[in-house]
């Protein structure tokens, strides 16, 4: 199973009859699904279709859908906004007289925005329905390209996550191996401290030493943390190879990884184990950063 990234992009331009349009879909990571859609005025039904279709196919991410469309000018007429033009003439004439300036030309006034307005010929209902159907088909193609872009990035991220899990497992095995040596290391360290304080070593009670070693070893025992880390690694590998949206599950496991790594560091009684714990936390943080972008 290929993972899906929450980052994706697609752009598709098509034409139908005298209409030309471009669909653009892009997304970034987000905790939930947030869809923003912009379409030209009068295409409310098309916008609703795009929103619903995307929500049926995408589970998480902040997604922007944009539709740009224009129509060939055949059948288009123009009209003058006479009310606006009259107002401009009056203002321009008064201003010119009051300031002893030349009268503005008609060309200048006609060039003001919205004085000349485009009036598109109305389409019949059958034509509009056919156009909207073409827009729907076009959006489906754009959405397929968008999903492919997310899957392509997800496949690359899957390799990265697998590599990071391999590194986490390697560090856990190192910690596990070192933990098995801890009782002997603690016993030697305890004896060294006692011998440094006592000149007469014959007075040391072996049973008392054994009791102290057991107590110190128990406090430093990280067997449970190691076992849980192994279990979390197995669960993470299982999720990565599973179907569906696994971003939230991996995010939860990352929190569990961090919890066990923190406990391991706090219990560490050997500098080598501390170094392993710090390396483990660094790798887990890299894993977390990648997981934030998984759907």
Protein backbone atom coordinates (compact mmCIF):
# COMPACT_ATOMS: atom_id res chain seq x y z
CA UNK A 1 0.00 0.00 0.00
CA UNK A 2 1.32 3.44 -0.94
CA UNK A 3 1.00 6.26 1.55
CA UNK A 4 -0.63 9.52 0.51
CA UNK A 5 0.96 12.85 1.29
CA UNK A 6 -1.22 15.80 2.26
CA UNK A 7 0.81 17.95 -0.15
CA UNK A 8 -0.30 17.84 -3.77
CA UNK A 9 -0.83 19.92 -6.89
CA UNK A 10 -2.57 19.60 -10.26
CA UNK A 11 -3.54 21.96 -13.07
CA UNK A 12 -5.69 21.04 -16.06
CA UNK A 13 -6.77 23.28 -18.94
CA UNK A 14 -9.52 22.28 -21.37
CA UNK A 15 -12.01 23.76 -23.82
CA UNK A 16 -15.58 23.05 -24.80
CA UNK A 17 -17.42 24.87 -27.55
CA UNK A 18 -16.52 28.55 -27.04
CA UNK A 19 -15.54 28.10 -23.35
CA UNK A 20 -11.98 27.71 -22.07
CA UNK A 21 -11.11 26.91 -18.46
CA UNK A 22 -8.37 25.83 -16.08
CA UNK A 23 -8.85 23.78 -12.93
CA UNK A 24 -6.16 24.13 -10.27
CA UNK A 25 -6.06 22.02 -7.10
CA UNK A 26 -3.36 22.33 -4.45
CA UNK A 27 -3.07 21.25 -0.83
CA UNK A 28 -0.83 21.39 2.22
CA UNK A 29 -0.96 19.47 5.47
CA UNK A 30 -3.74 20.08 8.01
CA UNK A 31 -5.23 18.35 11.04
CA UNK A 32 -8.56 17.81 9.27
CA UNK A 33 -10.03 18.41 5.82
CA UNK A 34 -10.43 22.10 4.97
CA UNK A 35 -11.66 22.88 1.45
CA UNK A 36 -11.68 26.33 -0.16
CA UNK A 37 -13.21 26.66 -3.61
CA UNK A 38 -13.30 29.64 -6.00
CA UNK A 39 -15.37 29.56 -9.18
CA UNK A 40 -16.68 32.29 -11.51
CA UNK A 41 -20.02 33.88 -10.71
CA UNK A 42 -23.01 31.81 -11.73
CA UNK A 43 -21.32 28.43 -11.31
CA UNK A 44 -22.63 27.58 -7.84
CA UNK A 45 -23.70 24.09 -8.89
CA UNK A 46 -20.24 23.39 -10.30
CA UNK A 47 -18.63 24.60 -7.07
CA UNK A 48 -20.85 22.33 -4.97
CA UNK A 49 -19.98 19.40 -7.24
CA UNK A 50 -16.25 20.10 -6.88
CA UNK A 51 -16.46 20.32 -3.09
CA UNK A 52 -18.44 17.09 -2.75
CA UNK A 53 -16.28 15.14 -5.20
CA UNK A 54 -13.11 16.18 -3.41
CA UNK A 55 -14.50 15.33 0.03
CA UNK A 56 -15.43 11.89 -1.27
CA UNK A 57 -11.82 11.28 -2.29
CA UNK A 58 -9.62 13.16 0.19
CA UNK A 59 -9.62 12.68 3.97
CA UNK A 60 -7.16 15.27 5.33
CA UNK A 61 -5.35 18.42 4.28
CA UNK A 62 -5.96 22.09 3.55
CA UNK A 63 -7.13 22.10 -0.08
CA UNK A 64 -7.64 25.01 -2.47
CA UNK A 65 -9.69 24.56 -5.65
CA UNK A 66 -9.66 27.32 -8.25
CA UNK A 67 -11.55 27.47 -11.55
CA UNK A 68 -10.73 30.15 -14.12
CA UNK A 69 -12.96 30.32 -17.19
CA UNK A 70 -13.43 32.62 -20.16
CA UNK A 71 -15.61 32.63 -23.22
CA UNK A 72 -14.87 33.58 -26.80
CA UNK A 73 -16.24 37.00 -27.72
CA UNK A 74 -18.43 35.71 -30.56
CA UNK A 75 -21.95 36.86 -29.80
CA UNK A 76 -20.70 39.36 -27.24
CA UNK A 77 -21.92 42.96 -27.45
CA UNK A 78 -20.95 46.13 -25.65
CA UNK A 79 -22.92 48.83 -23.94
CA UNK A 80 -22.06 52.19 -22.44
CA UNK A 81 -22.79 52.78 -18.79
CA UNK A 82 -24.41 56.12 -19.56
CA UNK A 83 -25.04 57.04 -15.94
CA UNK A 84 -21.38 56.61 -15.07
CA UNK A 85 -20.22 58.44 -18.20
CA UNK A 86 -22.51 61.43 -17.51
CA UNK A 87 -21.19 61.67 -13.97
CA UNK A 88 -17.59 61.54 -15.20
CA UNK A 89 -18.24 64.25 -17.81
CA UNK A 90 -19.78 66.54 -15.20
CA UNK A 91 -16.93 66.00 -12.74
CA UNK A 92 -14.25 66.42 -15.41
CA UNK A 93 -15.86 69.57 -16.87
CA UNK A 94 -16.27 71.23 -13.47
CA UNK A 95 -12.73 70.35 -12.43
CA UNK A 96 -11.28 71.67 -15.70
CA UNK A 97 -13.16 74.98 -15.43
CA UNK A 98 -12.28 75.53 -11.78
CA UNK A 99 -8.61 74.85 -12.39
CA UNK A 100 -8.29 76.42 -15.85
CA UNK A 101 -7.40 73.09 -17.41
CA UNK A 102 -8.25 71.77 -20.88
CA UNK A 103 -11.36 69.69 -21.21
CA UNK A 104 -10.67 65.92 -21.04
CA UNK A 105 -11.11 63.99 -24.28
CA UNK A 106 -13.92 61.53 -24.78
CA UNK A 107 -11.35 58.78 -25.37
CA UNK A 108 -9.96 59.30 -21.88
CA UNK A 109 -13.40 59.16 -20.28
CA UNK A 110 -14.44 56.09 -22.27
CA UNK A 111 -11.28 54.34 -21.09
CA UNK A 112 -12.35 54.51 -17.44
CA UNK A 113 -13.07 51.06 -16.07
CA UNK A 114 -16.71 49.89 -16.33
CA UNK A 115 -17.79 52.78 -18.60
CA UNK A 116 -17.79 50.26 -21.47
CA UNK A 117 -19.34 46.97 -20.34
CA UNK A 118 -19.25 43.59 -22.02
CA UNK A 119 -22.61 41.91 -22.44
CA UNK A 120 -22.38 38.20 -23.18
CA UNK A 121 -25.06 36.56 -25.25
CA UNK A 122 -27.22 34.34 -23.09
CA UNK A 123 -26.88 30.58 -23.55
CA UNK A 124 -29.89 28.29 -23.58
CA UNK A 125 -30.39 25.88 -20.67
CA UNK A 126 -29.34 22.80 -22.64
CA UNK A 127 -26.02 24.42 -23.58
CA UNK A 128 -25.32 25.42 -19.97
CA UNK A 129 -26.07 21.89 -18.74
CA UNK A 130 -23.73 20.42 -21.34
CA UNK A 131 -21.03 22.92 -20.37
CA UNK A 132 -21.39 22.07 -16.67
CA UNK A 133 -21.19 18.36 -17.50
CA UNK A 134 -17.94 19.02 -19.36
CA UNK A 135 -16.65 20.96 -16.35
CA UNK A 136 -17.50 18.01 -14.09
CA UNK A 137 -15.64 15.55 -16.32
CA UNK A 138 -12.70 17.92 -16.47
CA UNK A 139 -12.63 18.28 -12.68
CA UNK A 140 -12.58 14.49 -12.27
CA UNK A 141 -9.48 14.35 -14.47
CA UNK A 142 -7.83 17.16 -12.50
CA UNK A 143 -8.65 15.39 -9.24
CA UNK A 144 -7.07 12.16 -10.50
CA UNK A 145 -3.88 14.05 -11.32
CA UNK A 146 -4.01 15.72 -7.91
CA UNK A 147 -4.35 12.38 -6.10
CA UNK A 148 -1.50 10.94 -8.15
CA UNK A 149 0.76 13.80 -7.06
CA UNK A 150 -0.09 13.09 -3.41
CA UNK A 151 0.51 9.36 -3.89
CA UNK A 152 3.84 9.98 -5.63
CA UNK A 153 5.11 12.09 -2.76
CA UNK A 154 3.64 9.60 -0.30
CA UNK A 155 5.66 6.77 -1.87
CA UNK A 156 8.86 8.76 -1.38
CA UNK A 157 7.89 9.52 2.22
CA UNK A 158 7.18 5.82 2.81
CA UNK A 159 10.80 4.99 2.00
CA UNK A 160 12.00 7.72 4.36
CA UNK A 161 9.74 6.53 7.19
CA UNK A 162 10.84 2.92 6.72
CA UNK A 163 14.47 4.00 6.90
CA UNK A 164 13.84 5.99 10.09
CA UNK A 165 12.06 3.01 11.66
CA UNK A 166 15.08 0.85 10.78
CA UNK A 167 17.31 3.36 12.58
CA UNK A 168 14.99 3.47 15.61
CA UNK A 169 15.04 -0.33 15.78
CA UNK A 170 18.84 -0.40 15.51
CA UNK A 171 19.16 2.01 18.43
CA UNK A 172 16.65 0.06 20.52
CA UNK A 173 18.63 -3.14 19.91
CA UNK A 174 21.78 -1.35 21.05
CA UNK A 175 20.02 -0.23 24.22
CA UNK A 176 18.64 -3.75 24.74
CA UNK A 177 22.11 -5.29 24.43
CA UNK A 178 23.61 -2.75 26.81
CA UNK A 179 20.80 -3.27 29.33
CA UNK A 180 21.68 -6.95 29.64
CA UNK A 181 25.13 -5.91 30.86
CA UNK A 182 23.77 -3.45 33.42
CA UNK A 183 23.70 -5.70 36.54
CA UNK A 184 27.42 -6.55 36.19
CA UNK A 185 28.31 -2.93 35.43
CA UNK A 186 26.32 -1.67 38.43
CA UNK A 187 27.89 -4.30 40.72
CA UNK A 188 31.40 -3.31 39.64
CA UNK A 189 30.62 0.40 40.04
CA UNK A 190 29.14 -0.20 43.52
CA UNK A 191 32.15 -2.25 44.64
CA UNK A 192 34.55 0.38 43.36
CA UNK A 193 32.80 3.03 45.45
CA UNK A 194 32.76 0.85 48.58
CA UNK A 195 36.39 -0.14 48.19
CA UNK A 196 37.35 3.50 47.78
CA UNK A 197 35.77 4.28 51.16
CA UNK A 198 36.99 1.27 53.13
CA UNK A 199 40.58 0.27 53.69
CA UNK A 200 39.60 -3.08 55.17
CA UNK A 201 37.74 -4.94 52.41
CA UNK A 202 37.18 -8.02 54.60
CA UNK A 203 34.31 -6.22 56.33
CA UNK A 204 32.13 -6.03 53.21
CA UNK A 205 29.03 -8.22 53.43
CA UNK A 206 28.50 -9.97 50.04
CA UNK A 207 24.76 -10.31 50.70
CA UNK A 208 24.42 -6.59 51.35
CA UNK A 209 26.31 -5.86 48.15
CA UNK A 210 23.98 -8.17 46.25
CA UNK A 211 20.94 -6.42 47.73
CA UNK A 212 22.24 -2.98 46.79
CA UNK A 213 23.08 -4.15 43.27
CA UNK A 214 19.57 -5.54 42.83
CA UNK A 215 18.04 -2.29 44.10
CA UNK A 216 20.14 -0.12 41.78
CA UNK A 217 19.56 -2.45 38.83
CA UNK A 218 15.81 -2.31 39.41
CA UNK A 219 15.83 1.48 39.38
CA UNK A 220 17.85 1.48 36.16
CA UNK A 221 15.85 -1.32 34.50
CA UNK A 222 14.48 -0.26 31.10
CA UNK A 223 13.27 -3.68 29.97
CA UNK A 224 9.64 -2.55 29.88
CA UNK A 225 10.52 0.53 27.84
CA UNK A 226 12.54 -1.60 25.41
CA UNK A 227 9.66 -4.07 25.01
CA UNK A 228 7.17 -1.27 24.36
CA UNK A 229 9.49 0.35 21.82
CA UNK A 230 9.73 -2.95 19.95
CA UNK A 231 5.92 -3.17 19.99
CA UNK A 232 5.55 0.41 18.69
CA UNK A 233 8.03 -0.28 15.88
CA UNK A 234 6.05 -3.34 14.81
CA UNK A 235 2.78 -1.37 14.94
CA UNK A 236 4.26 1.48 12.88
CA UNK A 237 5.49 -0.92 10.19
CA UNK A 238 2.05 -2.53 10.10
CA UNK A 239 0.32 0.85 9.67
CA UNK A 240 2.69 1.92 6.89
CA UNK A 241 1.82 -1.22 4.91
CA UNK A 242 -1.94 -0.98 5.59
CA UNK A 243 -4.79 0.53 3.58
CA UNK A 244 -6.57 3.75 4.51
CA UNK A 245 -5.57 7.00 6.15
CA UNK A 246 -2.90 6.21 8.74
CA UNK A 247 -1.49 9.68 9.48
CA UNK A 248 -3.25 10.07 12.84
CA UNK A 249 -2.28 6.53 13.92
CA UNK A 250 1.37 7.19 13.15
CA UNK A 251 1.15 10.53 14.94
CA UNK A 252 -0.11 8.75 18.07
CA UNK A 253 2.69 6.18 17.86
CA UNK A 254 5.22 9.01 17.57
CA UNK A 255 4.00 10.35 20.91
CA UNK A 256 4.43 6.87 22.42
CA UNK A 257 7.93 6.61 20.95
CA UNK A 258 8.83 9.91 22.60
CA UNK A 259 7.39 8.87 25.95
CA UNK A 260 9.48 5.68 26.08
CA UNK A 261 12.63 7.44 24.85
CA UNK A 262 12.27 10.11 27.56
CA UNK A 263 11.89 7.44 30.25
CA UNK A 264 14.90 5.58 28.89
CA UNK A 265 17.03 8.72 29.12
CA UNK A 266 15.86 9.49 32.66
CA UNK A 267 16.72 5.95 33.84
CA UNK A 268 20.06 5.77 32.05
CA UNK A 269 22.90 5.02 34.47
CA UNK A 270 25.55 4.70 31.80
CA UNK A 271 26.82 7.39 29.42
CA UNK A 272 26.54 4.98 26.50
CA UNK A 273 22.87 4.41 27.21
CA UNK A 274 22.35 8.17 27.51
CA UNK A 275 23.94 8.68 24.09
CA UNK A 276 21.68 6.00 22.60
CA UNK A 277 18.64 7.65 24.18
CA UNK A 278 19.53 11.06 22.76
CA UNK A 279 20.11 9.60 19.28
CA UNK A 280 16.79 7.80 19.61
CA UNK A 281 14.97 11.04 20.43
CA UNK A 282 16.57 12.80 17.45
CA UNK A 283 15.50 10.04 15.07
CA UNK A 284 11.98 9.96 16.53
CA UNK A 285 11.71 13.72 15.98
CA UNK A 286 12.68 13.26 12.32
CA UNK A 287 10.04 10.53 12.07
CA UNK A 288 7.46 12.87 13.60
CA UNK A 289 8.20 15.64 11.07
CA UNK A 290 7.56 13.24 8.19
CA UNK A 291 4.38 11.87 9.77
CA UNK A 292 2.88 15.37 9.98
CA UNK A 293 2.39 15.33 6.21
CA UNK A 294 0.80 11.86 5.92
CA UNK A 295 -2.92 11.71 5.15
